Protein backbone atom coordinates (compact mmCIF):
# COMPACT_ATOMS: atom_id res chain seq x y z
CA UNK A 1 5.71 17.20 22.85
CA UNK A 2 3.16 14.47 23.58
CA UNK A 3 3.98 10.87 24.32
CA UNK A 4 5.55 8.99 21.39
CA UNK A 5 3.09 7.63 18.86
CA UNK A 6 2.74 3.94 18.10
CA UNK A 7 2.72 2.53 14.60
CA UNK A 8 1.21 -0.64 13.14
CA UNK A 9 2.56 -1.70 9.74
CA UNK A 10 0.14 -4.01 7.95
CA UNK A 11 1.56 -6.10 5.10
CA UNK A 12 -0.94 -8.04 2.94
CA UNK A 13 0.75 -11.11 1.48
CA UNK A 14 -0.10 -13.74 -1.09
CA UNK A 15 2.55 -16.04 -2.58
CA UNK A 16 5.46 -13.77 -1.63
CA UNK A 17 8.02 -16.36 -0.50
CA UNK A 18 10.62 -14.95 -2.87
CA UNK A 19 10.71 -11.52 -1.27
CA UNK A 20 8.89 -11.47 2.07
CA UNK A 21 12.02 -12.03 4.19
CA UNK A 22 13.81 -9.05 2.62
CA UNK A 23 10.72 -6.89 3.06
CA UNK A 24 10.32 -7.75 6.73
CA UNK A 25 14.04 -7.56 7.54
CA UNK A 26 13.91 -3.91 6.44
CA UNK A 27 11.21 -3.30 9.08
CA UNK A 28 13.14 -4.70 12.05
CA UNK A 29 14.52 -1.29 13.17
CA UNK A 30 10.92 -0.12 13.55
CA UNK A 31 10.06 -3.20 15.59
CA UNK A 32 13.09 -2.51 17.78
CA UNK A 33 11.74 1.00 18.35
CA UNK A 34 8.50 -0.48 19.72
CA UNK A 35 6.28 -0.47 16.63
CA UNK A 36 4.46 -3.55 15.38
CA UNK A 37 4.43 -5.43 12.09
CA UNK A 38 1.36 -7.46 11.15
CA UNK A 39 1.45 -9.81 8.16
CA UNK A 40 -1.89 -10.86 6.70
CA UNK A 41 -1.60 -13.94 4.52
CA UNK A 42 -4.41 -14.88 2.12
CA UNK A 43 -3.80 -18.62 2.06
CA UNK A 44 -0.40 -18.73 0.36
CA UNK A 45 0.81 -22.23 -0.49
CA UNK A 46 4.48 -21.26 -0.94
CA UNK A 47 5.40 -20.95 2.74
CA UNK A 48 5.07 -17.16 2.92
CA UNK A 49 3.42 -17.24 6.35
CA UNK A 50 6.12 -19.46 7.84
CA UNK A 51 8.90 -17.27 6.49
CA UNK A 52 7.19 -14.18 7.89
CA UNK A 53 6.53 -15.52 11.38
CA UNK A 54 9.98 -14.88 12.96
CA UNK A 55 10.07 -11.34 11.54
CA UNK A 56 6.58 -10.10 12.44
CA UNK A 57 4.68 -9.48 15.65
CA UNK A 58 1.65 -11.27 14.26
CA UNK A 59 0.89 -13.37 11.20
CA UNK A 60 -2.82 -13.86 10.61
CA UNK A 61 -4.87 -15.50 7.89
CA UNK A 62 -7.72 -13.89 5.96
CA UNK A 63 -9.70 -14.22 2.77
CA UNK A 64 -8.13 -13.13 -0.50
CA UNK A 65 -8.07 -9.55 -1.74
CA UNK A 66 -6.00 -6.66 -0.45
CA UNK A 67 -8.99 -4.81 0.99
CA UNK A 68 -10.04 -7.90 2.96
CA UNK A 69 -6.49 -8.48 4.15
CA UNK A 70 -5.83 -4.87 5.16
CA UNK A 71 -9.09 -4.67 7.11
CA UNK A 72 -8.22 -7.91 8.88
CA UNK A 73 -4.81 -6.56 9.86
CA UNK A 74 -6.29 -3.28 11.07
CA UNK A 75 -8.80 -5.15 13.23
CA UNK A 76 -5.98 -6.56 15.41
CA UNK A 77 -3.63 -3.57 15.23
CA UNK A 78 -2.75 -1.62 18.38
CA UNK A 79 -1.00 1.42 16.89
CA UNK A 80 -2.18 5.02 16.80
CA UNK A 81 -1.20 5.10 13.11
CA UNK A 82 -1.86 2.33 10.59
CA UNK A 83 0.49 2.03 7.60
CA UNK A 84 -0.44 -0.31 4.74
CA UNK A 85 2.64 -1.64 2.97
CA UNK A 86 2.75 -3.76 -0.17
CA UNK A 87 5.10 -6.73 0.10
CA UNK A 88 7.26 -5.40 -2.76
CA UNK A 89 7.69 -1.89 -1.34
CA UNK A 90 10.47 -0.53 0.90
CA UNK A 91 10.02 2.37 3.30
CA UNK A 92 12.53 5.24 3.49
CA UNK A 93 15.16 5.20 6.24
CA UNK A 94 13.62 8.29 7.88
CA UNK A 95 10.13 6.79 8.01
CA UNK A 96 9.79 7.17 11.79
CA UNK A 97 10.63 10.89 11.72
CA UNK A 98 8.26 11.40 8.78
CA UNK A 99 5.40 9.72 10.62
CA UNK A 100 6.11 11.63 13.80
CA UNK A 101 5.71 14.85 11.80
CA UNK A 102 2.42 13.51 10.49
CA UNK A 103 1.21 12.42 13.92
CA UNK A 104 1.65 15.90 15.37
CA UNK A 105 0.06 17.56 12.34
CA UNK A 106 -3.64 18.27 11.78
CA UNK A 107 -3.91 15.79 8.91
CA UNK A 108 -6.00 12.62 9.08
CA UNK A 109 -3.94 10.54 6.69
CA UNK A 110 -1.08 10.60 4.22
CA UNK A 111 1.20 8.84 1.78
CA UNK A 112 4.80 8.86 0.52
CA UNK A 113 6.23 9.85 -2.82
CA UNK A 114 7.27 6.76 -4.76
CA UNK A 115 10.21 5.66 -6.87
CA UNK A 116 10.18 2.57 -9.07
CA UNK A 117 13.18 0.31 -8.52
CA UNK A 118 14.34 -0.08 -12.13
CA UNK A 119 16.88 2.12 -13.88
CA UNK A 120 14.99 2.92 -17.08
CA UNK A 121 14.37 6.60 -17.76
CA UNK A 122 10.67 6.01 -18.38
CA UNK A 123 10.26 4.51 -14.91
CA UNK A 124 11.43 7.82 -13.45
CA UNK A 125 8.90 9.66 -15.59
CA UNK A 126 6.12 7.31 -14.46
CA UNK A 127 6.97 7.86 -10.79
CA UNK A 128 7.12 11.65 -11.28
CA UNK A 129 3.65 11.67 -12.78
CA UNK A 130 2.29 9.37 -10.05
CA UNK A 131 3.57 11.72 -7.35
CA UNK A 132 2.44 14.85 -9.15
CA UNK A 133 -1.02 13.49 -9.84
CA UNK A 134 -1.38 12.45 -6.21
CA UNK A 135 -0.42 15.91 -4.95
CA UNK A 136 -2.93 17.56 -7.27
CA UNK A 137 -5.86 15.20 -6.70
CA UNK A 138 -5.22 13.90 -3.18
CA UNK A 139 -5.72 10.36 -4.47
CA UNK A 140 -3.25 7.73 -3.31
CA UNK A 141 -2.41 4.30 -4.69
CA UNK A 142 -1.25 1.35 -2.63
CA UNK A 143 2.30 1.66 -3.97
CA UNK A 144 2.61 4.91 -2.01
CA UNK A 145 2.25 3.24 1.42
CA UNK A 146 -0.92 4.91 2.66
CA UNK A 147 -1.03 5.71 6.38
CA UNK A 148 -3.97 6.87 8.49
CA UNK A 149 -4.88 7.57 12.10
CA UNK A 150 -6.51 4.47 13.53
CA UNK A 151 -9.44 6.50 14.88
CA UNK A 152 -10.13 7.81 11.37
CA UNK A 153 -9.81 4.36 9.80
CA UNK A 154 -12.33 2.97 12.29
CA UNK A 155 -14.72 5.89 11.82
CA UNK A 156 -14.73 5.24 8.06
CA UNK A 157 -15.08 1.48 8.64
CA UNK A 158 -11.93 0.74 6.68
CA UNK A 159 -11.55 -0.20 3.06
CA UNK A 160 -14.55 -1.11 0.97
CA UNK A 161 -14.07 -4.77 0.10
CA UNK A 162 -13.56 -4.19 -3.61
CA UNK A 163 -11.53 -6.52 -5.83
CA UNK A 164 -9.68 -3.53 -7.35
CA UNK A 165 -9.42 0.25 -6.79
CA UNK A 166 -9.86 -0.11 -3.02
CA UNK A 167 -7.01 2.37 -2.47
CA UNK A 168 -8.52 4.97 -4.80
CA UNK A 169 -11.96 4.60 -3.23
CA UNK A 170 -10.57 4.92 0.31
CA UNK A 171 -8.53 7.98 -0.68
CA UNK A 172 -11.68 9.67 -1.96
CA UNK A 173 -13.39 9.19 1.39
CA UNK A 174 -10.32 10.28 3.32
CA UNK A 175 -10.11 13.50 1.27
CA UNK A 176 -13.49 14.53 2.68
CA UNK A 177 -11.78 14.69 6.08
CA UNK A 178 -8.45 16.24 5.10
CA UNK A 179 -5.99 16.56 2.28
CA UNK A 180 -3.21 13.97 2.57
CA UNK A 181 0.04 14.57 4.44
CA UNK A 182 2.43 14.15 1.50
CA UNK A 183 5.89 12.86 2.44
CA UNK A 184 8.65 13.62 -0.05
CA UNK A 185 10.92 10.85 1.26
CA UNK A 186 10.59 8.03 -1.24
CA UNK A 187 9.21 4.56 -0.86
CA UNK A 188 10.76 2.22 -3.43
CA UNK A 189 8.38 -0.10 -5.23
CA UNK A 190 9.50 -3.06 -7.32
CA UNK A 191 9.24 -2.21 -11.02
CA UNK A 192 8.82 -5.84 -12.17
CA UNK A 193 5.26 -5.51 -13.43
CA UNK A 194 6.16 -2.37 -15.37
CA UNK A 195 9.21 -3.97 -16.97
CA UNK A 196 7.65 -7.38 -17.66
CA UNK A 197 4.50 -6.02 -19.26
CA UNK A 198 6.04 -2.92 -20.83
CA UNK A 199 5.93 0.58 -19.39
CA UNK A 200 3.61 2.13 -21.98
CA UNK A 201 1.26 -0.85 -21.98
CA UNK A 202 1.01 -0.78 -18.20
CA UNK A 203 0.40 2.98 -18.20
CA UNK A 204 -2.42 2.65 -20.73
CA UNK A 205 -3.96 -0.28 -18.86
CA UNK A 206 -3.98 1.49 -15.49
CA UNK A 207 -5.32 4.76 -16.87
CA UNK A 208 -7.98 2.92 -18.88
CA UNK A 209 -9.12 1.06 -15.78
CA UNK A 210 -9.11 4.27 -13.71
CA UNK A 211 -11.10 6.13 -16.37
CA UNK A 212 -13.68 3.36 -16.47
CA UNK A 213 -13.87 3.42 -12.66
CA UNK A 214 -14.51 7.18 -12.62
CA UNK A 215 -17.31 6.63 -15.15
CA UNK A 216 -18.98 4.32 -12.66
CA UNK A 217 -18.11 0.88 -14.01
CA UNK A 218 -18.19 -1.82 -11.35
CA UNK A 219 -14.91 -2.99 -9.77
CA UNK A 220 -15.91 -6.58 -10.60
CA UNK A 221 -15.96 -5.70 -14.31
CA UNK A 222 -12.63 -3.88 -14.02
CA UNK A 223 -10.87 -6.73 -12.28
CA UNK A 224 -12.12 -9.13 -14.96
CA UNK A 225 -10.58 -6.87 -17.63
CA UNK A 226 -7.34 -6.62 -15.65
CA UNK A 227 -7.04 -10.37 -15.23
CA UNK A 228 -7.82 -10.96 -18.90
CA UNK A 229 -5.04 -8.55 -19.88
CA UNK A 230 -2.57 -10.30 -17.56
CA UNK A 231 -3.53 -13.73 -18.92
CA UNK A 232 -2.95 -12.51 -22.46
CA UNK A 233 0.58 -11.52 -21.44
CA UNK A 234 1.38 -15.03 -20.24
CA UNK A 235 -0.17 -16.93 -23.16
């Protein structure tokens, strides 16, 4: 077997003081194994960057938007494999073994199956459909902790700096190189947004936005619709 691979975990953060410590504490075994954790803060005013500093190898600042943040993190990463992790998502305990299997495969990129953290039966159904759809189409969402060989990421010049759907767009380009390496071990993503806004309403919103994206509507128009829907929830 070749020399061990190196991993860079890139965590885009904005106003995550309530959960960033727990997220990063879960990554400390990987840091102890020689992998790096890079936190990219988009100007949080709640102290997220300061809380992250003792638990990350680097904390850097960037403009707002996940695509901007993830590209900024990748630009300073040293690992052979880049893994993009949302701040409300937990990796499985066997993540290192899973990524070793990927590294020695012929795949260019991959993602994990996902489970939503809540206990409601519908949340399990949602996760099942997310995983099934991803296996059929090859398209990955950010909740599934996308990972990619750094050489491939650089060749594709990273994420398009879109305000929404950057993960879907990047998956489409990655699929031209290879189908994803699909890991059955589950990442666990916080179900707050599903529970707060309602499972069915969130499903309809996300599918409506995705359908409009496939029809060619601009991401700027989609993000305006998304934000309007969220504002209506809080009024």
